[in-house]
Amino acid sequence: MNEEELSNVIELITSDYGVEDADECDHGYYAYVDGGYLPDVYQSRGSALQAIYETLTQ
């Protein structure tokens, strides 16, 4: 799925999610869902959204 499709599917499950630019020292993106951040730093917005989707569908 592309980023837009992932966002749409995630939005059907929860509205409490997002992707933020990482700090300068981390280079990448942070992902959060349902009030908590996922433990990894992602190289792209798409990979962060994919991780959110996988977390929600486990």
N, C-alpha and C. Protein backbone atom coordinates (compact mmCIF):
# COMPACT_ATOMS: atom_id res chain seq x y z
N MET A 1 0.84 -1.18 0.00
CA MET A 1 0.00 0.00 0.00
C MET A 1 0.88 1.25 0.00
N ASN A 2 0.39 2.29 -0.62
CA ASN A 2 1.14 3.55 -0.57
C ASN A 2 0.79 4.30 0.72
N GLU A 3 1.45 5.43 0.96
CA GLU A 3 1.26 6.17 2.21
C GLU A 3 -0.19 6.59 2.42
N GLU A 4 -0.84 7.06 1.37
CA GLU A 4 -2.23 7.51 1.50
C GLU A 4 -3.16 6.35 1.86
N GLU A 5 -2.97 5.21 1.20
CA GLU A 5 -3.79 4.04 1.50
C GLU A 5 -3.56 3.56 2.94
N LEU A 6 -2.30 3.54 3.37
CA LEU A 6 -2.00 3.14 4.74
C LEU A 6 -2.67 4.08 5.74
N SER A 7 -2.56 5.38 5.49
CA SER A 7 -3.19 6.35 6.38
C SER A 7 -4.69 6.14 6.47
N ASN A 8 -5.32 5.89 5.33
CA ASN A 8 -6.77 5.67 5.31
C ASN A 8 -7.16 4.43 6.11
N VAL A 9 -6.42 3.35 5.96
CA VAL A 9 -6.72 2.11 6.68
C VAL A 9 -6.48 2.31 8.18
N ILE A 10 -5.38 2.95 8.54
CA ILE A 10 -5.08 3.20 9.95
C ILE A 10 -6.17 4.07 10.57
N GLU A 11 -6.61 5.07 9.84
CA GLU A 11 -7.65 5.99 10.33
C GLU A 11 -8.95 5.25 10.63
N LEU A 12 -9.23 4.18 9.90
CA LEU A 12 -10.42 3.38 10.18
C LEU A 12 -10.32 2.66 11.53
N ILE A 13 -9.08 2.39 11.96
CA ILE A 13 -8.85 1.65 13.20
C ILE A 13 -8.71 2.61 14.39
N THR A 14 -7.96 3.69 14.20
CA THR A 14 -7.72 4.65 15.29
C THR A 14 -7.39 6.02 14.70
N SER A 15 -7.74 7.06 15.44
CA SER A 15 -7.34 8.40 15.03
C SER A 15 -6.13 8.88 15.83
N ASP A 16 -5.68 8.06 16.79
CA ASP A 16 -4.55 8.41 17.64
C ASP A 16 -3.26 7.78 17.09
N TYR A 17 -2.73 8.39 16.04
CA TYR A 17 -1.49 7.91 15.44
C TYR A 17 -0.81 9.07 14.74
N GLY A 18 0.45 8.90 14.41
CA GLY A 18 1.14 9.93 13.65
C GLY A 18 2.58 9.58 13.39
N VAL A 19 3.17 10.37 12.51
CA VAL A 19 4.58 10.22 12.15
C VAL A 19 5.21 11.60 12.31
N GLU A 20 6.32 11.65 13.02
CA GLU A 20 7.02 12.91 13.27
C GLU A 20 8.47 12.81 12.83
N ASP A 21 9.04 13.95 12.44
CA ASP A 21 10.47 13.98 12.14
C ASP A 21 11.25 13.64 13.40
N ALA A 22 12.27 12.82 13.26
CA ALA A 22 13.12 12.45 14.40
C ALA A 22 14.02 13.61 14.77
N ASP A 23 14.60 13.53 15.96
CA ASP A 23 15.58 14.53 16.38
C ASP A 23 16.78 14.49 15.44
N GLU A 24 17.57 15.55 15.48
CA GLU A 24 18.75 15.64 14.61
C GLU A 24 19.68 14.44 14.75
N CYS A 25 19.81 13.92 15.95
CA CYS A 25 20.76 12.82 16.15
C CYS A 25 20.22 11.48 15.63
N ASP A 26 18.92 11.36 15.41
CA ASP A 26 18.34 10.09 14.98
C ASP A 26 18.13 9.96 13.47
N HIS A 27 17.94 11.04 12.75
CA HIS A 27 17.77 11.01 11.29
C HIS A 27 16.70 10.03 10.83
N GLY A 28 15.51 10.48 10.69
CA GLY A 28 14.42 9.64 10.21
C GLY A 28 13.10 10.10 10.78
N TYR A 29 12.25 9.15 11.13
CA TYR A 29 10.90 9.45 11.60
C TYR A 29 10.55 8.60 12.80
N TYR A 30 9.82 9.21 13.72
CA TYR A 30 9.23 8.49 14.85
C TYR A 30 7.78 8.21 14.51
N ALA A 31 7.27 7.09 15.00
CA ALA A 31 5.87 6.73 14.81
C ALA A 31 5.22 6.55 16.17
N TYR A 32 4.01 7.09 16.31
CA TYR A 32 3.28 6.85 17.56
C TYR A 32 1.88 6.37 17.24
N VAL A 33 1.33 5.60 18.17
CA VAL A 33 -0.02 5.06 18.00
C VAL A 33 -0.60 4.79 19.38
N ASP A 34 -1.86 5.12 19.53
CA ASP A 34 -2.60 4.87 20.78
C ASP A 34 -1.83 5.34 22.01
N GLY A 35 -1.27 6.55 21.93
CA GLY A 35 -0.64 7.17 23.09
C GLY A 35 0.80 6.80 23.36
N GLY A 36 1.41 5.98 22.51
CA GLY A 36 2.80 5.59 22.74
C GLY A 36 3.61 5.57 21.47
N TYR A 37 4.90 5.81 21.62
CA TYR A 37 5.81 5.78 20.47
C TYR A 37 6.30 4.36 20.23
N LEU A 38 6.43 3.99 18.98
CA LEU A 38 7.04 2.71 18.63
C LEU A 38 8.55 2.84 18.86
N PRO A 39 9.24 1.73 19.15
CA PRO A 39 10.63 1.82 19.61
C PRO A 39 11.68 2.15 18.55
N ASP A 40 11.34 2.06 17.29
CA ASP A 40 12.34 2.25 16.24
C ASP A 40 12.28 3.64 15.63
N VAL A 41 13.35 4.00 14.91
CA VAL A 41 13.39 5.19 14.08
C VAL A 41 13.30 4.69 12.64
N TYR A 42 12.38 5.24 11.86
CA TYR A 42 12.11 4.74 10.51
C TYR A 42 12.73 5.66 9.47
N GLN A 43 13.18 5.07 8.37
CA GLN A 43 13.88 5.81 7.33
C GLN A 43 12.95 6.61 6.42
N SER A 44 11.66 6.26 6.41
CA SER A 44 10.71 6.99 5.57
C SER A 44 9.36 7.06 6.27
N ARG A 45 8.53 8.00 5.84
CA ARG A 45 7.17 8.10 6.38
C ARG A 45 6.41 6.81 6.08
N GLY A 46 6.61 6.27 4.89
CA GLY A 46 5.92 5.05 4.50
C GLY A 46 6.26 3.87 5.40
N SER A 47 7.53 3.73 5.76
CA SER A 47 7.90 2.61 6.63
C SER A 47 7.37 2.83 8.05
N ALA A 48 7.27 4.08 8.50
CA ALA A 48 6.68 4.36 9.81
C ALA A 48 5.19 4.03 9.80
N LEU A 49 4.50 4.40 8.73
CA LEU A 49 3.07 4.08 8.62
C LEU A 49 2.86 2.57 8.55
N GLN A 50 3.74 1.87 7.85
CA GLN A 50 3.65 0.42 7.76
C GLN A 50 3.80 -0.21 9.15
N ALA A 51 4.73 0.31 9.94
CA ALA A 51 4.93 -0.21 11.30
C ALA A 51 3.71 0.05 12.18
N ILE A 52 3.08 1.21 12.02
CA ILE A 52 1.85 1.51 12.77
C ILE A 52 0.77 0.52 12.37
N TYR A 53 0.61 0.31 11.08
CA TYR A 53 -0.40 -0.63 10.58
C TYR A 53 -0.17 -2.03 11.14
N GLU A 54 1.07 -2.48 11.10
CA GLU A 54 1.40 -3.83 11.61
C GLU A 54 1.14 -3.93 13.11
N THR A 55 1.43 -2.87 13.85
CA THR A 55 1.17 -2.86 15.29
C THR A 55 -0.32 -2.99 15.56
N LEU A 56 -1.12 -2.29 14.79
CA LEU A 56 -2.57 -2.31 15.00
C LEU A 56 -3.23 -3.61 14.57
N THR A 57 -2.60 -4.33 13.66
CA THR A 57 -3.24 -5.54 13.12
C THR A 57 -2.61 -6.83 13.64
N GLN A 58 -1.76 -6.74 14.64
CA GLN A 58 -1.15 -7.95 15.22
C GLN A 58 -2.18 -8.75 15.97
